[in-house]
Amino acid sequence: MAPTIEKISATTFRVLNMKASVQFYRDLPGMELLYGGEQASFSSLRSNDSESAILNLEQGDTVSRWGRLIIHVTDVDEFWTHLKERGLSLSV
């Protein structure tokens, strides 16, 4: 039997502004800062579930390709309201 992936341990996004990125992931969805911080060149965050994948942020020039982070929440409408109450504004 071929080996399979059991789980994703971490993903890394390159960000132009570490301070704004850390504030966004820490303050809006409430991720826990594990390493680094607003003044660091590399930071790691995780949801409150210690089994979840780690989100790494690496400061540097942005890349032209895109990335994706998929999260699971208990109630999507409640979570959306939570984000809007904290100032998140998105346009489609």
Foldseek 3Di string as FASTA:
>chain_A
DDDDDPAAAEDEFEDAQQLVVQCCVCPQQNWAWDDDYRPGQKTWTGHPPPPHHIYMYGYDDHDPDDDDDDDDDPDVVVSVVSNVVVPDDDDD
